[in-house]
Amino acid sequence: MRQRRAGSGLRVAAWVLVPLGLVLMLGGIGYTWTNYEGATVMSEAMTPTYRPGERLLIERTEAGEIRRGDVVLVDVPDRYQGRPVLQRVIGVGGDHVVCCDGGRITVNGKPVDEPYVMRGEVNPGAGEYDVTVPDGRLFLLGDYRANSHDSRFFLGEQSGSVAASGVHGRVQNNSTVPVVSAALGILGMVMTLVGTGLGIGAYVARRRARWPVEAAPPWPVA
C-alpha cells in the first residue's frame, strides 16, 4: 500500500515537472538561439570600444530597426574577403553625411558627438566626403579611424554604403535578457530530467506493489 501511494505521488510530480520543464527549456533556449549569436572581435578597427579577442553578444536585428550609433555585425559580400565585420552606423538611408567640418562629421547638418572614437585624426588616409546614403543602405565607420577599412574607402560604390539586409545584428552590451532566458532553459532541462526520473520511479513502485510478497525461507538450523 505504501509503495502504491509513493508511486502515485511520484507520478503526479512527474506529470507536473516534465511539461513545465519542457516549456522552460524550449522557450528559454529557443529564445536565446533565435535572437542572439556570438562574435569574436578579429581586428583593431573598433578599438577602444571593442578590442581584438573580445567576445561579443550580437542581438539579431531587422534592417528597419537599425539606428545611428549602433555597432553592427554585417556581411559585405564584395569586401573583406566575404567575412562579416564590426562597424558603427554613422548614417542610414536618406542621411546626408559630410566630413569634416572642423574635424567633426555632420549628419543632416548636425555635428556628431563621437566620444567612442580613438584619439587622433578622424579621417586619416581618406579625403573629405559629402554623401547621401541610398535607401536601404548604411554608411559605416570604425571607431579606430586610423586603422579601419570602412565606407570612406568605397565612396565610388553607392557612396561607400552597405546593404542593411546584410546586417546580422547589433552588439548587445546588456546581457541580462539572454542570460536569464538561457538560465530558464537550463532550469527547464533540469526539471525535465528530474521529472523523467520521478516518472521512472513511479513506474517501478507500481510494478513492485503488484508483485506477490513471498515469505522468506527459514534459516537453516545447525
Protein backbone atom coordinates (compact mmCIF):
# COMPACT_ATOMS: atom_id res chain seq x y z
CA MET A 1 0.00 0.00 0.00
CA ARG A 2 2.82 2.40 0.89
CA GLN A 3 4.54 1.66 -2.41
CA ARG A 4 1.32 2.43 -4.31
CA ARG A 5 0.93 5.75 -2.52
CA ALA A 6 4.58 6.59 -3.16
CA GLY A 7 4.19 5.64 -6.81
CA SER A 8 1.12 7.83 -7.13
CA GLY A 9 2.92 10.82 -5.63
CA LEU A 10 5.92 10.36 -7.90
CA ARG A 11 3.65 10.06 -10.91
CA VAL A 12 1.88 13.34 -10.10
CA ALA A 13 5.21 15.14 -9.61
CA ALA A 14 6.46 13.77 -12.93
CA TRP A 15 3.31 14.95 -14.75
CA VAL A 16 3.91 18.46 -13.36
CA LEU A 17 7.68 18.73 -13.80
CA VAL A 18 8.12 17.27 -17.28
CA PRO A 19 5.67 19.51 -19.19
CA LEU A 20 6.73 22.62 -17.25
CA GLY A 21 10.39 21.76 -17.75
CA LEU A 22 9.91 21.27 -21.48
CA VAL A 23 8.17 24.65 -21.80
CA LEU A 24 11.01 26.42 -19.97
CA MET A 25 13.72 24.53 -21.81
CA LEU A 26 12.32 25.04 -25.30
CA GLY A 27 11.23 28.61 -24.58
CA GLY A 28 14.42 29.80 -22.88
CA ILE A 29 16.98 28.09 -25.08
CA GLY A 30 14.88 28.65 -28.20
CA TYR A 31 14.56 32.38 -27.50
CA THR A 32 18.31 32.77 -26.95
CA TRP A 33 19.18 30.73 -30.04
CA THR A 34 16.73 32.64 -32.22
CA ASN A 35 17.56 36.18 -31.09
CA TYR A 36 21.27 36.15 -30.30
CA GLU A 37 24.61 34.96 -31.62
CA GLY A 38 28.21 35.30 -30.50
CA ALA A 39 31.08 37.01 -32.30
CA THR A 40 34.77 37.47 -31.59
CA VAL A 41 36.49 40.77 -32.41
CA MET A 42 39.14 39.99 -35.01
CA SER A 43 40.74 43.40 -35.68
CA GLU A 44 41.56 46.75 -34.07
CA ALA A 45 39.03 48.65 -36.20
CA MET A 46 36.63 49.13 -33.25
CA THR A 47 39.28 49.98 -30.65
CA PRO A 48 38.98 51.36 -28.00
CA THR A 49 35.31 50.34 -27.76
CA TYR A 50 35.98 46.66 -28.50
CA ARG A 51 39.42 45.08 -28.61
CA PRO A 52 40.76 42.07 -30.56
CA GLY A 53 39.86 38.76 -28.95
CA GLU A 54 36.89 40.20 -27.06
CA ARG A 55 33.77 38.05 -27.19
CA LEU A 56 30.57 39.94 -28.02
CA LEU A 57 26.87 39.17 -27.89
CA ILE A 58 25.05 40.06 -31.11
CA GLU A 59 21.31 40.73 -30.98
CA ARG A 60 19.72 39.76 -34.29
CA THR A 61 18.06 42.87 -35.70
CA GLU A 62 15.73 43.60 -38.60
CA ALA A 63 17.06 46.06 -41.17
CA GLY A 64 14.38 48.62 -40.29
CA GLU A 65 15.37 48.59 -36.59
CA ILE A 66 18.97 49.72 -37.13
CA ARG A 67 19.78 53.15 -35.70
CA ARG A 68 22.66 55.59 -35.96
CA GLY A 69 25.31 54.79 -33.39
CA ASP A 70 24.63 51.03 -33.39
CA VAL A 71 27.68 48.80 -33.73
CA VAL A 72 26.63 46.09 -36.18
CA LEU A 73 27.99 42.80 -37.44
CA VAL A 74 27.49 42.94 -41.19
CA ASP A 75 28.19 40.84 -44.26
CA VAL A 76 29.56 42.76 -47.24
CA PRO A 77 29.98 40.10 -49.96
CA ASP A 78 32.31 42.12 -52.21
CA ARG A 79 34.55 43.37 -49.36
CA TYR A 80 36.67 41.93 -46.56
CA GLN A 81 37.06 38.55 -48.31
CA GLY A 82 33.45 37.73 -47.52
CA ARG A 83 33.96 37.79 -43.75
CA PRO A 84 31.47 39.66 -41.50
CA VAL A 85 32.86 42.82 -39.91
CA LEU A 86 32.04 45.02 -36.92
CA GLN A 87 31.47 48.69 -37.73
CA ARG A 88 29.47 51.60 -36.36
CA VAL A 89 26.42 53.03 -38.13
CA ILE A 90 27.01 56.71 -38.94
CA GLY A 91 24.21 57.20 -41.46
CA VAL A 92 21.08 55.33 -42.53
CA GLY A 93 19.09 55.57 -45.76
CA GLY A 94 18.45 59.18 -46.77
CA ASP A 95 21.07 60.70 -44.42
CA HIS A 96 23.45 63.38 -45.68
CA VAL A 97 26.92 62.62 -44.25
CA VAL A 98 29.73 65.19 -44.55
CA CYS A 99 33.33 65.09 -43.34
CA CYS A 100 34.99 67.01 -41.97
CA ASP A 101 33.70 70.35 -40.71
CA GLY A 102 36.26 71.48 -38.16
CA GLY A 103 37.34 67.89 -37.68
CA ARG A 104 33.82 66.62 -36.97
CA ILE A 105 31.43 64.58 -39.05
CA THR A 106 28.00 66.05 -39.64
CA VAL A 107 24.83 64.10 -40.40
CA ASN A 108 21.97 66.08 -41.91
CA GLY A 109 23.81 69.26 -40.99
CA LYS A 110 24.28 68.38 -37.31
CA PRO A 111 27.72 67.62 -35.82
CA VAL A 112 28.02 64.08 -34.47
CA ASP A 113 29.42 63.70 -30.96
CA GLU A 114 31.76 60.70 -31.07
CA PRO A 115 33.31 60.07 -27.62
CA TYR A 116 33.98 56.47 -28.63
CA VAL A 117 36.48 57.33 -31.39
CA MET A 118 40.18 56.62 -30.83
CA ARG A 119 42.01 59.88 -30.32
CA GLY A 120 43.75 61.22 -33.39
CA GLU A 121 42.66 62.28 -36.84
CA VAL A 122 39.04 61.42 -37.65
CA ASN A 123 39.69 60.88 -41.35
CA PRO A 124 43.30 59.73 -41.87
CA GLY A 125 44.01 58.01 -45.17
CA ALA A 126 40.79 59.24 -46.77
CA GLY A 127 39.79 62.58 -48.22
CA GLU A 128 36.82 64.71 -47.35
CA TYR A 129 33.45 63.38 -48.44
CA ASP A 130 29.92 64.62 -48.90
CA VAL A 131 27.48 61.74 -49.50
CA THR A 132 23.82 60.89 -49.29
CA VAL A 133 23.15 57.34 -48.11
CA PRO A 134 20.85 55.43 -50.52
CA ASP A 135 17.62 53.98 -49.13
CA GLY A 136 18.02 50.57 -47.57
CA ARG A 137 21.74 51.07 -47.02
CA LEU A 138 24.11 52.15 -44.23
CA PHE A 139 27.22 54.32 -44.02
CA LEU A 140 29.64 52.62 -41.61
CA LEU A 141 32.88 53.66 -39.91
CA GLY A 142 35.22 52.02 -37.43
CA ASP A 143 35.98 53.67 -34.08
CA TYR A 144 39.72 53.49 -34.76
CA ARG A 145 39.62 55.72 -37.83
CA ALA A 146 43.36 55.38 -38.47
CA ASN A 147 43.03 51.61 -38.74
CA SER A 148 39.61 50.90 -40.23
CA HIS A 149 38.90 50.00 -43.85
CA ASP A 150 35.33 51.27 -43.86
CA SER A 151 32.83 53.20 -46.01
CA ARG A 152 35.31 56.07 -46.56
CA PHE A 153 37.37 53.86 -48.88
CA PHE A 154 34.47 52.73 -51.09
CA LEU A 155 32.82 56.07 -51.90
CA GLY A 156 32.52 55.12 -55.58
CA GLU A 157 30.27 52.18 -54.65
CA GLN A 158 26.90 53.69 -53.74
CA SER A 159 28.57 56.37 -51.61
CA GLY A 160 30.51 53.75 -49.68
CA SER A 161 27.34 52.34 -48.16
CA VAL A 162 26.46 48.70 -47.50
CA ALA A 163 23.11 46.92 -47.70
CA ALA A 164 21.17 46.98 -44.43
CA SER A 165 19.90 43.50 -45.30
CA GLY A 166 23.44 42.19 -44.74
CA VAL A 167 23.37 43.04 -41.04
CA HIS A 168 23.40 40.03 -38.68
CA GLY A 169 22.55 42.21 -35.70
CA ARG A 170 23.88 44.84 -33.32
CA VAL A 171 26.19 44.45 -30.36
CA GLN A 172 24.21 43.99 -27.15
CA ASN A 173 26.14 45.33 -24.16
CA ASN A 174 23.42 44.42 -21.67
CA SER A 175 23.37 40.63 -21.42
CA THR A 176 20.65 40.40 -18.75
CA VAL A 177 17.87 39.17 -21.05
CA PRO A 178 19.86 36.45 -22.86
CA VAL A 179 21.46 35.28 -19.62
CA VAL A 180 18.08 35.00 -17.89
CA SER A 181 16.50 33.21 -20.86
CA ALA A 182 19.42 30.78 -21.08
CA ALA A 183 19.21 30.16 -17.31
CA LEU A 184 15.48 29.41 -17.62
CA GLY A 185 16.28 26.99 -20.43
CA ILE A 186 18.84 25.18 -18.26
CA LEU A 187 16.41 25.12 -15.33
CA GLY A 188 13.79 23.62 -17.63
CA MET A 189 16.25 20.96 -18.75
CA VAL A 190 16.96 20.01 -15.12
CA MET A 191 13.24 19.92 -14.29
CA THR A 192 12.59 17.69 -17.30
CA LEU A 193 15.33 15.25 -16.26
CA VAL A 194 14.14 15.19 -12.65
CA GLY A 195 10.53 14.69 -13.75
CA THR A 196 11.57 11.86 -16.05
CA GLY A 197 13.44 10.23 -13.18
CA LEU A 198 10.40 10.54 -10.92
CA GLY A 199 8.22 9.02 -13.62
CA ILE A 200 10.54 6.04 -13.85
CA GLY A 201 10.49 5.76 -10.05
CA ALA A 202 6.66 5.80 -10.09
CA TYR A 203 6.60 3.03 -12.68
CA VAL A 204 8.98 0.87 -10.63
CA ALA A 205 6.96 1.48 -7.43
CA ARG A 206 3.72 0.44 -9.16
CA ARG A 207 5.31 -2.74 -10.51
CA ARG A 208 6.66 -3.67 -7.10
CA ALA A 209 3.27 -3.08 -5.50
CA ARG A 210 1.78 -5.68 -7.84
CA TRP A 211 4.40 -8.35 -7.15
CA PRO A 212 3.29 -11.06 -4.60
CA VAL A 213 5.17 -10.94 -1.36
CA GLU A 214 6.78 -14.32 -0.75
CA ALA A 215 7.71 -15.49 2.66
CA ALA A 216 11.42 -15.85 3.13
CA PRO A 217 12.57 -19.41 3.72
CA PRO A 218 13.55 -20.22 7.33
CA TRP A 219 17.20 -20.04 8.20
CA PRO A 220 18.79 -23.46 8.45
CA VAL A 221 19.28 -24.68 11.98
CA ALA A 222 22.72 -26.07 12.73
